[in-house]
């Protein structure tokens, strides 16, 4: 009864299903592993953040270049602020409020590249008049080390007036500052009033963000593909069986004995004498014995 499974058409269907199921399983478990890795890295980052809050600050040069392991670490650097090149970074959220960062370049005493320092956050629209002046002379800055921001995470920095910056990073600062800068920045741990401290951000692709739950969604999709492939195979199989049973019973075959050869054509009606009746030009049924 199942000989049709050996036909070329069914060979193609069977091979497709046999290959697609393990492939979808592999992709589904791979996406699940990625989600679990993000969960583990999120927990690890939380432990590192708790340890960094009580750990002694380390010199900035020991933490560069910035990696996922050093993001959020407390760094210390000595230098002089350059208030002439101070920038405001608008559209930054803190505790559900909209505000802006106050970014002032720090020129290190060791002669290295300038370090962008976010001295704090203020609520409202970016207003230079509301910003307290930067400390003068030599200062020692202590704060959390951050990596360059991604435009995808903070939105497109378009239409900003002079003195404002859309994304913090060397790629954007090199166009507005007259000297080279580090591809990192520091948020001051204890800013001066009325500035509020900016909490350290999580390293990219290490937290339970939208990307992590996308991996979980992709896992469900791959398993759904398996269920769909098996369902369609079963549906085709049932239809093939039903078609074979109908053929064995002689159902649905044009020209079969006892049926009209052409669908919709009325069968001839036998007359009283046994000969089939015919129709005249007007469509009336006539017996062959009837006279004209």
Protein backbone atom coordinates (compact mmCIF):
# COMPACT_ATOMS: atom_id res chain seq x y z
CA UNK A 1 0.00 0.00 0.00
CA UNK A 2 2.87 2.37 0.72
CA UNK A 3 4.76 1.74 -2.51
CA UNK A 4 4.21 5.34 -3.52
CA UNK A 5 6.86 6.31 -0.95
CA UNK A 6 9.46 4.91 -3.37
CA UNK A 7 8.43 7.09 -6.30
CA UNK A 8 10.81 9.90 -7.38
CA UNK A 9 8.44 12.60 -6.14
CA UNK A 10 8.23 11.06 -2.68
CA UNK A 11 11.98 10.45 -2.62
CA UNK A 12 12.43 14.21 -2.94
CA UNK A 13 9.89 14.92 -0.19
CA UNK A 14 11.40 12.34 2.17
CA UNK A 15 14.98 13.52 1.63
CA UNK A 16 13.96 17.13 2.25
CA UNK A 17 12.24 16.26 5.54
CA UNK A 18 15.05 13.96 6.70
CA UNK A 19 17.64 16.68 6.09
CA UNK A 20 15.61 19.65 7.33
CA UNK A 21 14.73 18.16 10.73
CA UNK A 22 18.33 17.69 12.01
CA UNK A 23 19.35 21.03 10.50
CA UNK A 24 16.54 22.84 12.32
CA UNK A 25 17.43 20.99 15.53
CA UNK A 26 21.04 22.09 15.23
CA UNK A 27 20.11 25.73 14.60
CA UNK A 28 17.55 25.73 17.40
CA UNK A 29 19.98 24.40 20.00
CA UNK A 30 22.67 26.78 18.72
CA UNK A 31 20.38 29.76 19.31
CA UNK A 32 19.46 28.35 22.72
CA UNK A 33 23.16 28.07 23.61
CA UNK A 34 23.66 31.71 22.62
CA UNK A 35 20.82 32.76 24.90
CA UNK A 36 22.26 30.76 27.79
CA UNK A 37 25.69 32.31 27.17
CA UNK A 38 24.13 35.78 27.43
CA UNK A 39 22.42 34.80 30.69
CA UNK A 40 25.73 33.56 32.10
CA UNK A 41 27.60 36.66 30.95
CA UNK A 42 24.87 38.87 32.45
CA UNK A 43 25.29 37.18 35.81
CA UNK A 44 29.06 37.46 35.55
CA UNK A 45 28.81 41.18 34.74
CA UNK A 46 26.57 41.71 37.76
CA UNK A 47 29.16 40.07 39.99
CA UNK A 48 31.94 42.15 38.43
CA UNK A 49 29.93 45.35 38.90
CA UNK A 50 29.38 44.57 42.58
CA UNK A 51 33.08 43.82 43.02
CA UNK A 52 34.10 46.99 41.13
CA UNK A 53 32.08 49.20 43.47
CA UNK A 54 34.20 48.16 46.46
CA UNK A 55 37.49 47.57 44.63
CA UNK A 56 40.33 50.05 44.65
CA UNK A 57 40.51 52.21 41.50
CA UNK A 58 43.27 51.24 39.06
CA UNK A 59 45.33 53.54 36.88
CA UNK A 60 43.65 54.19 33.55
CA UNK A 61 46.58 52.89 31.47
CA UNK A 62 46.28 49.48 33.12
CA UNK A 63 42.68 49.14 31.90
CA UNK A 64 43.20 50.19 28.28
CA UNK A 65 42.19 49.15 25.71
CA UNK A 66 38.63 48.67 26.88
CA UNK A 67 37.32 45.09 26.82
CA UNK A 68 34.21 43.37 28.13
CA UNK A 69 36.25 42.48 31.22
CA UNK A 70 37.29 46.08 31.99
CA UNK A 71 34.05 47.91 31.19
CA UNK A 72 32.67 49.27 34.45
CA UNK A 73 35.99 49.00 36.29
CA UNK A 74 36.92 51.95 38.50
CA UNK A 75 39.76 53.91 36.89
CA UNK A 76 41.80 56.85 38.09
CA UNK A 77 43.68 59.40 36.01
CA UNK A 78 45.34 62.74 36.74
CA UNK A 79 45.29 65.68 34.38
CA UNK A 80 43.73 69.02 33.50
CA UNK A 81 40.23 69.67 32.18
CA UNK A 82 39.82 71.59 28.93
CA UNK A 83 36.56 73.56 29.48
CA UNK A 84 36.91 75.29 26.10
CA UNK A 85 36.14 71.99 24.40
CA UNK A 86 33.28 70.97 26.70
CA UNK A 87 30.37 69.19 24.96
CA UNK A 88 26.81 68.35 25.90
CA UNK A 89 25.35 64.94 24.99
CA UNK A 90 21.54 65.26 24.77
CA UNK A 91 18.75 62.67 24.92
CA UNK A 92 20.18 60.53 27.69
CA UNK A 93 17.84 58.79 30.12
CA UNK A 94 18.50 58.34 33.84
CA UNK A 95 15.95 56.79 36.21
CA UNK A 96 13.21 57.37 33.64
CA UNK A 97 14.02 61.06 33.17
CA UNK A 98 15.29 62.69 30.00
CA UNK A 99 18.43 64.80 30.26
CA UNK A 100 21.96 65.22 28.98
CA UNK A 101 25.56 64.36 29.81
CA UNK A 102 28.22 66.97 30.46
CA UNK A 103 31.40 65.80 28.73
CA UNK A 104 34.69 67.59 29.35
CA UNK A 105 37.99 66.38 27.84
CA UNK A 106 40.77 65.67 30.31
CA UNK A 107 44.38 66.17 29.21
CA UNK A 108 46.40 63.56 31.14
CA UNK A 109 49.66 64.51 32.81
CA UNK A 110 51.43 61.53 31.26
CA UNK A 111 51.05 63.05 27.78
CA UNK A 112 48.67 60.42 26.44
CA UNK A 113 45.59 61.02 24.35
CA UNK A 114 42.82 63.12 25.83
CA UNK A 115 40.20 61.26 27.84
CA UNK A 116 36.49 62.13 27.50
CA UNK A 117 35.12 62.53 31.02
CA UNK A 118 31.38 62.66 31.68
CA UNK A 119 31.25 64.86 34.75
CA UNK A 120 27.58 64.07 35.34
CA UNK A 121 23.99 64.22 34.14
CA UNK A 122 21.43 67.01 34.23
CA UNK A 123 17.69 66.81 33.61
CA UNK A 124 15.96 68.67 30.82
CA UNK A 125 17.17 70.02 27.49
CA UNK A 126 20.87 70.54 26.88
CA UNK A 127 21.55 74.02 28.27
CA UNK A 128 25.13 75.25 28.74
CA UNK A 129 23.96 77.87 31.24
CA UNK A 130 22.82 75.13 33.65
CA UNK A 131 26.20 73.37 33.66
CA UNK A 132 28.53 74.06 36.61
CA UNK A 133 32.09 74.99 35.57
CA UNK A 134 34.72 72.30 35.41
CA UNK A 135 37.41 72.22 38.12
CA UNK A 136 40.55 74.17 37.25
CA UNK A 137 44.15 73.12 37.65
CA UNK A 138 45.38 69.59 38.10
CA UNK A 139 42.69 67.14 39.16
CA UNK A 140 42.45 63.41 39.78
CA UNK A 141 39.38 61.84 38.25
CA UNK A 142 37.97 58.57 39.54
CA UNK A 143 35.11 56.85 37.81
CA UNK A 144 33.79 53.90 35.84
CA UNK A 145 35.48 53.09 32.55
CA UNK A 146 33.18 52.91 29.52
CA UNK A 147 33.62 51.81 25.92
CA UNK A 148 32.60 53.79 22.86
CA UNK A 149 28.85 54.15 22.41
CA UNK A 150 27.07 52.55 19.47
CA UNK A 151 24.83 54.78 17.29
CA UNK A 152 22.41 51.85 17.10
CA UNK A 153 21.90 52.00 20.87
CA UNK A 154 21.52 55.77 21.32
CA UNK A 155 19.83 56.78 18.07
CA UNK A 156 21.07 58.71 15.05
CA UNK A 157 22.90 61.92 16.06
CA UNK A 158 21.38 64.20 13.43
CA UNK A 159 20.68 67.91 13.45
CA UNK A 160 22.65 68.74 16.61
CA UNK A 161 23.78 72.35 17.14
CA UNK A 162 27.42 73.26 17.78
CA UNK A 163 28.63 72.26 21.23
CA UNK A 164 26.58 69.06 21.31
CA UNK A 165 27.53 65.47 20.58
CA UNK A 166 25.35 62.54 19.56
CA UNK A 167 27.61 59.54 20.27
CA UNK A 168 30.58 59.33 22.64
CA UNK A 169 33.57 57.78 20.93
CA UNK A 170 36.81 58.62 19.21
CA UNK A 171 35.16 58.36 15.76
CA UNK A 172 32.83 61.25 16.56
CA UNK A 173 35.12 63.27 18.85
CA UNK A 174 37.96 63.36 16.32
CA UNK A 175 35.79 65.65 14.19
CA UNK A 176 35.15 68.21 16.95
CA UNK A 177 38.30 68.17 19.10
CA UNK A 178 41.68 69.56 18.02
CA UNK A 179 43.63 66.63 19.50
CA UNK A 180 43.43 62.82 19.51
CA UNK A 181 41.26 61.12 22.12
CA UNK A 182 41.02 57.68 23.67
CA UNK A 183 38.34 55.34 22.36
CA UNK A 184 36.95 55.17 25.90
CA UNK A 185 35.40 57.48 28.45
CA UNK A 186 34.97 57.74 32.20
CA UNK A 187 31.91 58.65 34.26
CA UNK A 188 32.81 60.51 37.45
CA UNK A 189 31.86 58.50 40.52
CA UNK A 190 31.11 61.50 42.78
CA UNK A 191 30.12 64.51 40.62
CA UNK A 192 29.67 68.01 41.95
CA UNK A 193 26.13 69.30 42.60
CA UNK A 194 23.75 69.64 40.79
CA UNK A 195 25.25 66.97 38.51
CA UNK A 196 24.16 63.39 39.07
CA UNK A 197 26.40 60.37 38.64
CA UNK A 198 25.96 58.31 35.46
CA UNK A 199 25.85 54.57 36.23
CA UNK A 200 28.25 52.39 34.25
CA UNK A 201 26.75 50.76 31.19
CA UNK A 202 26.82 47.04 30.49
CA UNK A 203 29.29 45.83 27.91
CA UNK A 204 27.80 45.31 24.47
CA UNK A 205 26.27 41.85 23.83
CA UNK A 206 26.72 40.71 27.44
CA UNK A 207 23.38 41.55 29.05
CA UNK A 208 19.78 40.41 28.88
CA UNK A 209 18.91 42.94 26.20
CA UNK A 210 16.64 42.65 23.18
CA UNK A 211 19.30 40.64 21.34
CA UNK A 212 19.27 37.97 24.03
CA UNK A 213 15.51 37.48 23.74
CA UNK A 214 15.83 37.50 19.96
CA UNK A 215 18.00 34.40 20.32
CA UNK A 216 15.26 32.82 22.42
CA UNK A 217 12.68 33.71 19.78
CA UNK A 218 14.83 32.23 17.02
CA UNK A 219 15.05 29.02 19.05
CA UNK A 220 11.26 28.73 19.08
CA UNK A 221 11.12 29.49 15.35
CA UNK A 222 13.52 26.67 14.42
CA UNK A 223 11.53 24.17 16.48
CA UNK A 224 8.32 25.46 14.86
CA UNK A 225 9.88 24.78 11.45
CA UNK A 226 10.37 21.14 12.48
CA UNK A 227 6.73 20.80 13.52
CA UNK A 228 5.58 22.42 10.25
CA UNK A 229 7.74 20.11 8.10
CA UNK A 230 6.44 16.99 9.87
CA UNK A 231 2.85 18.22 9.68
CA UNK A 232 3.08 18.89 5.94
CA UNK A 233 4.69 15.48 5.33
CA UNK A 234 1.86 13.77 7.23
CA UNK A 235 -0.74 15.79 5.34
CA UNK A 236 0.71 14.82 1.94
CA UNK A 237 0.92 11.19 3.12
CA UNK A 238 -2.76 11.11 4.10
CA UNK A 239 -3.83 12.71 0.82
CA UNK A 240 -1.83 10.13 -1.13
CA UNK A 241 -3.46 7.28 0.81
CA UNK A 242 -6.94 8.72 0.24
CA UNK A 243 -6.25 9.11 -3.49
CA UNK A 244 -5.17 5.45 -3.72
CA UNK A 245 -8.26 4.24 -1.88
CA UNK A 246 -10.51 6.27 -4.17
CA UNK A 247 -8.77 4.83 -7.21
CA UNK A 248 -9.21 1.30 -5.87
CA UNK A 249 -12.95 1.90 -5.42
CA UNK A 250 -13.27 3.43 -8.91
CA UNK A 251 -14.39 6.79 -7.57
CA UNK A 252 -13.83 10.00 -9.43
CA UNK A 253 -12.64 8.36 -12.71
CA UNK A 254 -14.22 9.73 -15.90
CA UNK A 255 -15.62 7.12 -18.30
CA UNK A 256 -16.03 4.42 -15.67
CA UNK A 257 -18.69 1.75 -16.29
CA UNK A 258 -22.16 2.94 -15.33
CA UNK A 259 -21.16 6.62 -15.53
CA UNK A 260 -21.53 9.20 -18.23
CA UNK A 261 -18.40 9.75 -20.28
CA UNK A 262 -18.69 13.52 -20.13
CA UNK A 263 -19.54 15.33 -16.90
CA UNK A 264 -22.77 17.29 -17.16
CA UNK A 265 -24.09 15.36 -20.22
CA UNK A 266 -27.45 13.69 -19.55
CA UNK A 267 -27.52 9.95 -20.12
CA UNK A 268 -29.78 8.47 -22.83
CA UNK A 269 -33.16 7.35 -21.53
CA UNK A 270 -34.33 3.96 -22.87
CA UNK A 271 -37.64 4.05 -24.70
CA UNK A 272 -40.47 1.61 -24.25
CA UNK A 273 -39.13 -0.68 -26.96
CA UNK A 274 -35.75 -0.95 -25.39
CA UNK A 275 -33.99 1.40 -27.83
CA UNK A 276 -32.59 4.57 -26.40
CA UNK A 277 -34.61 7.71 -26.86
CA UNK A 278 -33.22 10.65 -28.81
CA UNK A 279 -33.76 14.37 -28.81
CA UNK A 280 -35.07 16.46 -31.70
CA UNK A 281 -33.81 19.88 -32.70
CA UNK A 282 -36.04 21.54 -30.10
CA UNK A 283 -34.55 19.41 -27.35
CA UNK A 284 -37.66 17.23 -26.90
CA UNK A 285 -37.19 13.55 -26.23
CA UNK A 286 -38.48 11.31 -28.96
CA UNK A 287 -38.93 7.56 -29.19
CA UNK A 288 -37.52 5.91 -32.31
CA UNK A 289 -40.98 4.44 -32.98
CA UNK A 290 -42.66 7.83 -33.06
CA UNK A 291 -43.61 9.09 -36.50
CA UNK A 292 -42.73 12.56 -37.75
